[in-house]
Amino acid sequence: MDPSAFITLKNLSKSYIEGGQSLQVLRGADLQVAKGEFIALVGASGSGKSTLLNLLSGIDRADEGEIWVGGRDLAALDEGQRTLFRRQHIGFVFQFFNLLPTLTVLENVALPRELAGASAGEAARHAAGLLAQVGLAERAETFPDRLSGGQQQRVAIARALVHSPQLVLADEPTGNLDEETGLQVMDLLEKLTRQAGNNLLMATHNPEIAKRADRILHLREGKLVE
């Protein structure tokens, strides 16, 4: 294992029971990612892209293999430790935004920083700064259902970055947006993650979006192919 790699996957395997049968989506996958690298993950629907993101975040556990993120062996952590690791070091951007409808835009963005241990006031100040960066400072007290899809995804990007994560995981972040809005959102996500020196691992079906990455990896028959 390369000690300079920020992410290392070694012989990673994962299967699920579906319809009474075992479905294997990862078969001995290997990967090394340098600090600050932007990786695009492409593959057919059901190929295991979302599964891989869930394994990297510690939401799910592998059947076999090793997952190292920032020098931590996720396989060695129990559920509580993985939850804490996720709150402190992982940011998420989802296709369908996943904003909490009962919280304002500012409260949605501040929440991950509070969960990571910041005071409510400090989290709100940091969230307000990020909302300004994504062009939504004036919508801080608005509820998510009053925003367009593109605006909601910009809020989701701010939320993903508010606790200064080492790794941002994006699952089809432009998949629910029109082409022009998707490109604007992608410009913002790439700009902010690169400025912060974060790693970005993004699952996408869009080849134009994938071309922005430092590397494109294909999930084929449970393996990662560059």
Protein backbone atom coordinates (compact mmCIF):
# COMPACT_ATOMS: atom_id res chain seq x y z
CA MET A 1 0.00 0.00 0.00
CA ASP A 2 1.32 3.44 -1.02
CA PRO A 3 1.64 5.51 2.20
CA SER A 4 1.19 8.72 0.18
CA ALA A 5 -2.25 7.68 -1.13
CA PHE A 6 -5.23 9.41 0.47
CA ILE A 7 -7.63 6.60 -0.50
CA THR A 8 -6.63 2.96 -0.87
CA LEU A 9 -9.03 0.17 -1.77
CA LYS A 10 -7.57 -3.32 -1.76
CA ASN A 11 -9.36 -6.47 -2.96
CA LEU A 12 -12.75 -4.92 -2.16
CA SER A 13 -15.80 -7.17 -2.51
CA LYS A 14 -19.47 -6.54 -1.77
CA SER A 15 -22.64 -8.49 -2.49
CA TYR A 16 -26.32 -8.18 -1.63
CA ILE A 17 -29.22 -10.58 -1.37
CA GLU A 18 -31.85 -9.62 -3.94
CA GLY A 19 -34.87 -11.72 -4.78
CA GLY A 20 -33.47 -14.57 -2.74
CA GLN A 21 -30.23 -14.60 -4.74
CA SER A 22 -26.79 -13.18 -4.06
CA LEU A 23 -25.86 -10.24 -6.31
CA GLN A 24 -22.16 -9.35 -6.29
CA VAL A 25 -21.47 -5.76 -7.31
CA LEU A 26 -17.78 -5.49 -6.35
CA ARG A 27 -15.29 -8.27 -7.02
CA GLY A 28 -11.80 -7.62 -5.70
CA ALA A 29 -11.73 -3.92 -6.67
CA ASP A 30 -8.48 -2.02 -6.15
CA LEU A 31 -7.81 1.72 -6.19
CA GLN A 32 -5.32 4.33 -5.01
CA VAL A 33 -6.17 8.05 -4.98
CA ALA A 34 -3.72 10.87 -4.28
CA LYS A 35 -4.55 13.75 -1.93
CA GLY A 36 -6.63 16.41 -3.70
CA GLU A 37 -7.45 14.24 -6.71
CA PHE A 38 -10.82 14.49 -8.51
CA ILE A 39 -12.06 11.07 -9.65
CA ALA A 40 -15.07 10.44 -11.89
CA LEU A 41 -16.70 7.05 -11.46
CA VAL A 42 -18.74 5.82 -14.42
CA GLY A 43 -20.59 2.61 -15.16
CA ALA A 44 -23.97 1.19 -16.08
CA SER A 45 -26.91 1.54 -13.73
CA GLY A 46 -26.57 -1.09 -11.02
CA SER A 47 -22.83 -1.51 -11.59
CA GLY A 48 -22.00 -0.56 -8.01
CA LYS A 49 -21.16 3.16 -8.15
CA SER A 50 -23.42 4.13 -5.24
CA THR A 51 -22.32 1.04 -3.33
CA LEU A 52 -18.70 2.13 -3.62
CA LEU A 53 -19.54 5.62 -2.35
CA ASN A 54 -21.40 4.11 0.61
CA LEU A 55 -18.40 1.93 1.44
CA LEU A 56 -16.02 4.89 1.28
CA SER A 57 -18.21 6.86 3.67
CA GLY A 58 -18.59 4.00 6.13
CA ILE A 59 -22.38 3.85 5.63
CA ASP A 60 -21.95 0.28 4.42
CA ARG A 61 -19.36 -2.39 5.17
CA ALA A 62 -17.46 -4.51 2.67
CA ASP A 63 -17.67 -8.30 2.67
CA GLU A 64 -13.93 -8.52 2.06
CA GLY A 65 -10.99 -6.21 1.48
CA GLU A 66 -9.51 -3.03 2.90
CA ILE A 67 -10.71 0.58 2.77
CA TRP A 68 -8.26 3.26 3.89
CA VAL A 69 -9.28 6.92 3.87
CA GLY A 70 -6.90 9.56 5.20
CA GLY A 71 -4.82 6.96 6.99
CA ARG A 72 -7.83 5.31 8.70
CA ASP A 73 -8.82 1.71 8.20
CA LEU A 74 -12.63 1.86 7.95
CA ALA A 75 -12.90 -1.91 8.34
CA ALA A 76 -11.41 -1.58 11.83
CA LEU A 77 -14.04 0.94 12.99
CA ASP A 78 -17.31 -0.04 14.64
CA GLU A 79 -20.60 1.58 13.61
CA GLY A 80 -20.32 4.45 16.09
CA GLN A 81 -16.75 5.20 15.06
CA ARG A 82 -17.72 5.14 11.38
CA THR A 83 -20.57 7.57 12.06
CA LEU A 84 -18.19 9.95 13.82
CA PHE A 85 -15.64 9.61 11.01
CA ARG A 86 -18.33 10.41 8.46
CA ARG A 87 -19.53 13.49 10.36
CA GLN A 88 -16.01 14.87 10.66
CA HIS A 89 -14.39 13.95 7.35
CA ILE A 90 -16.98 13.21 4.62
CA GLY A 91 -19.22 15.58 2.63
CA PHE A 92 -22.12 14.37 0.49
CA VAL A 93 -23.85 15.77 -2.60
CA PHE A 94 -26.84 13.72 -3.80
CA GLN A 95 -28.85 13.70 -7.03
CA PHE A 96 -32.08 14.65 -5.25
CA PHE A 97 -30.51 17.24 -2.89
CA ASN A 98 -31.78 15.58 0.35
CA LEU A 99 -32.32 18.91 2.10
CA LEU A 100 -34.43 18.81 5.27
CA PRO A 101 -37.73 20.54 4.41
CA THR A 102 -38.42 21.76 7.97
CA LEU A 103 -35.09 23.60 8.23
CA THR A 104 -34.19 26.89 6.56
CA VAL A 105 -31.42 27.03 3.98
CA LEU A 106 -29.00 28.35 6.62
CA GLU A 107 -30.00 25.65 9.12
CA ASN A 108 -29.56 22.93 6.47
CA VAL A 109 -26.06 24.12 5.66
CA ALA A 110 -25.02 24.61 9.29
CA LEU A 111 -26.21 21.19 10.49
CA PRO A 112 -23.17 19.06 9.47
CA ARG A 113 -20.80 21.48 11.20
CA GLU A 114 -22.88 21.32 14.37
CA LEU A 115 -22.92 17.52 14.20
CA ALA A 116 -19.12 17.61 13.87
CA GLY A 117 -18.92 19.47 17.20
CA ALA A 118 -19.12 23.19 16.42
CA SER A 119 -21.32 25.55 18.41
CA ALA A 120 -24.57 26.69 16.79
CA GLY A 121 -23.27 30.23 16.41
CA GLU A 122 -19.96 29.20 14.83
CA ALA A 123 -21.73 26.77 12.48
CA ALA A 124 -24.20 29.45 11.40
CA ARG A 125 -21.40 31.95 10.69
CA HIS A 126 -19.50 29.43 8.59
CA ALA A 127 -22.69 28.39 6.78
CA ALA A 128 -23.50 32.01 5.97
CA GLY A 129 -20.04 32.46 4.45
CA LEU A 130 -20.49 29.42 2.22
CA LEU A 131 -23.97 30.54 1.15
CA ALA A 132 -22.38 33.77 0.00
CA GLN A 133 -19.83 31.80 -2.02
CA VAL A 134 -22.58 29.84 -3.80
CA GLY A 135 -24.59 33.01 -4.47
CA LEU A 136 -27.46 32.36 -2.07
CA ALA A 137 -26.76 34.63 0.89
CA GLU A 138 -30.10 36.37 0.43
CA ARG A 139 -32.00 33.07 0.64
CA ALA A 140 -30.58 32.00 4.03
CA GLU A 141 -33.96 32.15 5.82
CA THR A 142 -35.88 30.54 2.96
CA PHE A 143 -37.13 26.95 3.13
CA PRO A 144 -35.88 24.50 0.48
CA ASP A 145 -39.25 24.06 -1.27
CA ARG A 146 -39.12 27.72 -2.32
CA LEU A 147 -35.91 27.20 -4.30
CA SER A 148 -35.32 25.93 -7.83
CA GLY A 149 -33.53 22.62 -8.37
CA GLY A 150 -30.28 24.39 -9.21
CA GLN A 151 -30.52 26.54 -6.10
CA GLN A 152 -31.20 23.50 -3.93
CA GLN A 153 -28.14 21.76 -5.33
CA ARG A 154 -26.01 24.83 -4.58
CA VAL A 155 -27.29 24.68 -1.01
CA ALA A 156 -26.37 20.98 -0.96
CA ILE A 157 -22.82 21.81 -2.10
CA ALA A 158 -22.48 24.37 0.69
CA ARG A 159 -23.78 21.81 3.17
CA ALA A 160 -21.28 19.22 1.91
CA LEU A 161 -18.36 21.59 2.44
CA VAL A 162 -19.38 23.39 5.64
CA HIS A 163 -17.43 21.12 8.02
CA SER A 164 -14.25 21.19 5.88
CA PRO A 165 -14.35 17.50 4.91
CA GLN A 166 -11.33 15.71 3.56
CA LEU A 167 -13.45 13.80 1.04
CA VAL A 168 -16.52 14.92 -0.92
CA LEU A 169 -18.67 12.14 -2.38
CA ALA A 170 -21.08 13.20 -5.14
CA ASP A 171 -23.67 10.74 -6.46
CA GLU A 172 -25.03 11.98 -9.83
CA PRO A 173 -24.95 15.61 -8.63
CA THR A 174 -26.27 16.95 -11.96
CA GLY A 175 -28.63 14.07 -12.74
CA ASN A 176 -31.79 15.92 -11.66
CA LEU A 177 -30.94 19.22 -13.38
CA ASP A 178 -31.19 20.57 -16.91
CA GLU A 179 -27.94 20.72 -18.88
CA GLU A 180 -27.17 24.41 -18.37
CA THR A 181 -27.95 24.36 -14.65
CA GLY A 182 -26.00 21.12 -14.25
CA LEU A 183 -22.90 22.69 -15.77
CA GLN A 184 -23.21 25.73 -13.49
CA VAL A 185 -23.55 23.49 -10.44
CA MET A 186 -20.60 21.39 -11.55
CA ASP A 187 -18.46 24.50 -12.05
CA LEU A 188 -19.22 25.47 -8.47
CA LEU A 189 -18.61 22.04 -6.97
CA GLU A 190 -15.30 21.60 -8.77
CA LYS A 191 -14.11 25.13 -7.96
CA LEU A 192 -14.85 24.95 -4.24
CA THR A 193 -13.46 21.46 -3.70
CA ARG A 194 -10.25 22.22 -5.59
CA GLN A 195 -9.79 25.51 -3.74
CA ALA A 196 -10.08 23.68 -0.43
CA GLY A 197 -7.72 20.91 -1.54
CA ASN A 198 -10.43 18.30 -0.92
CA ASN A 199 -10.74 14.99 -2.71
CA LEU A 200 -13.83 14.68 -4.90
CA LEU A 201 -15.15 11.28 -5.95
CA MET A 202 -18.15 11.61 -8.22
CA ALA A 203 -20.45 9.01 -9.75
CA THR A 204 -21.93 10.20 -13.04
CA HIS A 205 -23.55 9.00 -16.26
CA ASN A 206 -22.59 12.22 -18.07
CA PRO A 207 -19.41 11.86 -20.15
CA GLU A 208 -18.97 15.64 -20.45
CA ILE A 209 -19.06 16.00 -16.67
CA ALA A 210 -16.68 13.04 -16.25
CA LYS A 211 -14.10 14.70 -18.53
CA ARG A 212 -13.52 17.37 -15.88
CA ALA A 213 -11.95 14.83 -13.53
CA ASP A 214 -8.26 14.12 -13.14
CA ARG A 215 -9.05 10.46 -13.81
CA ILE A 216 -12.06 8.52 -15.07
CA LEU A 217 -12.65 5.06 -13.59
CA HIS A 218 -15.11 2.56 -15.06
CA LEU A 219 -16.87 -0.03 -12.91
CA ARG A 220 -16.99 -3.18 -15.02
CA GLU A 221 -17.89 -6.61 -13.68
CA GLY A 222 -17.10 -5.46 -10.15
CA LYS A 223 -13.64 -4.09 -10.99
CA LEU A 224 -12.34 -0.52 -11.31
CA VAL A 225 -10.77 0.05 -14.73
CA GLU A 226 -9.01 3.28 -15.65
